[in-house]
Amino acid sequence: MNAIKVDTTIDEAVASAIPALRPLLGKHVELIAIEAPPAPAPERKLTVDELLTSRIKLPPGVGPLSLEDMERAIAEGALGQ
């Protein structure tokens, strides 16, 4: 891991380069930069179809369901049928 320590006074050039330091304009500061580990790769998100397929456990003897079948069942359940 690499680290850099800078002892400086925040001037207009530094405040322009790093706007978060603007409140410290004219102040003597010590800046420390530490190498950060790489951000983890984002996990691939499931599509709605993949999510529904992975969560539905069909009873034995029941064939695969289409998205239309699932939507119809949800609508019928919402209507109390």
Protein backbone atom coordinates (compact mmCIF):
# COMPACT_ATOMS: atom_id res chain seq x y z
CA MET A 1 0.00 0.00 0.00
CA ASN A 2 1.37 3.40 -1.00
CA ALA A 3 0.86 6.59 1.01
CA ILE A 4 1.81 10.22 0.39
CA LYS A 5 1.89 12.94 3.03
CA VAL A 6 1.82 16.61 1.98
CA ASP A 7 2.29 19.54 4.38
CA THR A 8 0.89 22.64 2.66
CA THR A 9 -1.29 25.73 2.85
CA ILE A 10 -4.53 25.53 0.88
CA ASP A 11 -4.37 28.17 -1.84
CA GLU A 12 -6.70 28.93 -4.75
CA ALA A 13 -4.98 26.39 -7.03
CA VAL A 14 -5.42 23.53 -4.53
CA ALA A 15 -9.00 24.57 -3.73
CA SER A 16 -9.80 24.63 -7.47
CA ALA A 17 -8.30 21.17 -7.96
CA ILE A 18 -10.04 19.71 -4.90
CA PRO A 19 -13.22 21.70 -4.19
CA ALA A 20 -13.87 19.87 -0.91
CA LEU A 21 -10.84 21.71 0.51
CA ARG A 22 -12.27 25.19 -0.24
CA PRO A 23 -13.44 25.71 3.40
CA LEU A 24 -9.77 25.38 4.40
CA LEU A 25 -8.59 28.13 2.01
CA GLY A 26 -5.62 29.92 3.59
CA LYS A 27 -5.20 27.29 6.34
CA HIS A 28 -2.07 25.22 6.92
CA VAL A 29 -2.97 21.53 6.54
CA GLU A 30 -1.48 18.09 6.31
CA LEU A 31 -2.93 15.99 3.51
CA ILE A 32 -2.46 12.23 3.48
CA ALA A 33 -3.36 10.14 0.44
CA ILE A 34 -3.52 6.39 0.92
CA GLU A 35 -3.91 3.97 -1.95
CA ALA A 36 -7.39 2.46 -1.71
CA PRO A 37 -8.13 -1.15 -2.58
CA PRO A 38 -9.95 -1.59 -5.88
CA ALA A 39 -13.72 -1.36 -5.65
CA PRO A 40 -15.37 -4.78 -5.83
CA ALA A 41 -16.91 -5.63 -9.18
CA PRO A 42 -20.67 -5.08 -9.07
CA GLU A 43 -22.66 -8.28 -8.93
CA ARG A 44 -24.77 -9.01 -11.96
CA LYS A 45 -28.37 -8.21 -11.12
CA LEU A 46 -31.06 -10.74 -11.91
CA THR A 47 -33.75 -9.91 -14.41
CA VAL A 48 -37.36 -10.12 -13.19
CA ASP A 49 -37.78 -13.40 -15.08
CA GLU A 50 -34.65 -14.87 -13.47
CA LEU A 51 -35.76 -13.73 -10.01
CA LEU A 52 -39.22 -15.24 -10.37
CA THR A 53 -37.82 -18.46 -11.81
CA SER A 54 -35.32 -18.84 -8.99
CA ARG A 55 -37.96 -18.28 -6.29
CA ILE A 56 -40.82 -20.40 -7.60
CA LYS A 57 -40.77 -24.05 -6.55
CA LEU A 58 -43.24 -25.94 -8.69
CA PRO A 59 -45.03 -28.97 -7.27
CA PRO A 60 -44.17 -32.35 -8.80
CA GLY A 61 -45.98 -32.94 -12.07
CA VAL A 62 -46.43 -29.23 -12.89
CA GLY A 63 -44.66 -28.10 -16.06
CA PRO A 64 -42.74 -24.87 -16.58
CA LEU A 65 -44.65 -21.60 -16.32
CA SER A 66 -44.43 -18.72 -18.76
CA LEU A 67 -44.26 -15.10 -17.68
CA GLU A 68 -47.85 -14.72 -18.89
CA ASP A 69 -48.93 -17.63 -16.65
CA MET A 70 -47.28 -15.96 -13.66
CA GLU A 71 -48.82 -12.57 -14.43
CA ARG A 72 -52.28 -14.13 -14.81
CA ALA A 73 -51.90 -15.96 -11.47
CA ILE A 74 -50.80 -12.75 -9.73
CA ALA A 75 -53.75 -10.83 -11.21
CA GLU A 76 -56.22 -13.56 -10.22
CA GLY A 77 -54.78 -13.63 -6.70
CA ALA A 78 -55.09 -9.86 -6.42
CA LEU A 79 -58.72 -10.05 -7.50
CA GLY A 80 -59.43 -12.88 -5.03
CA GLN A 81 -60.28 -15.43 -7.71
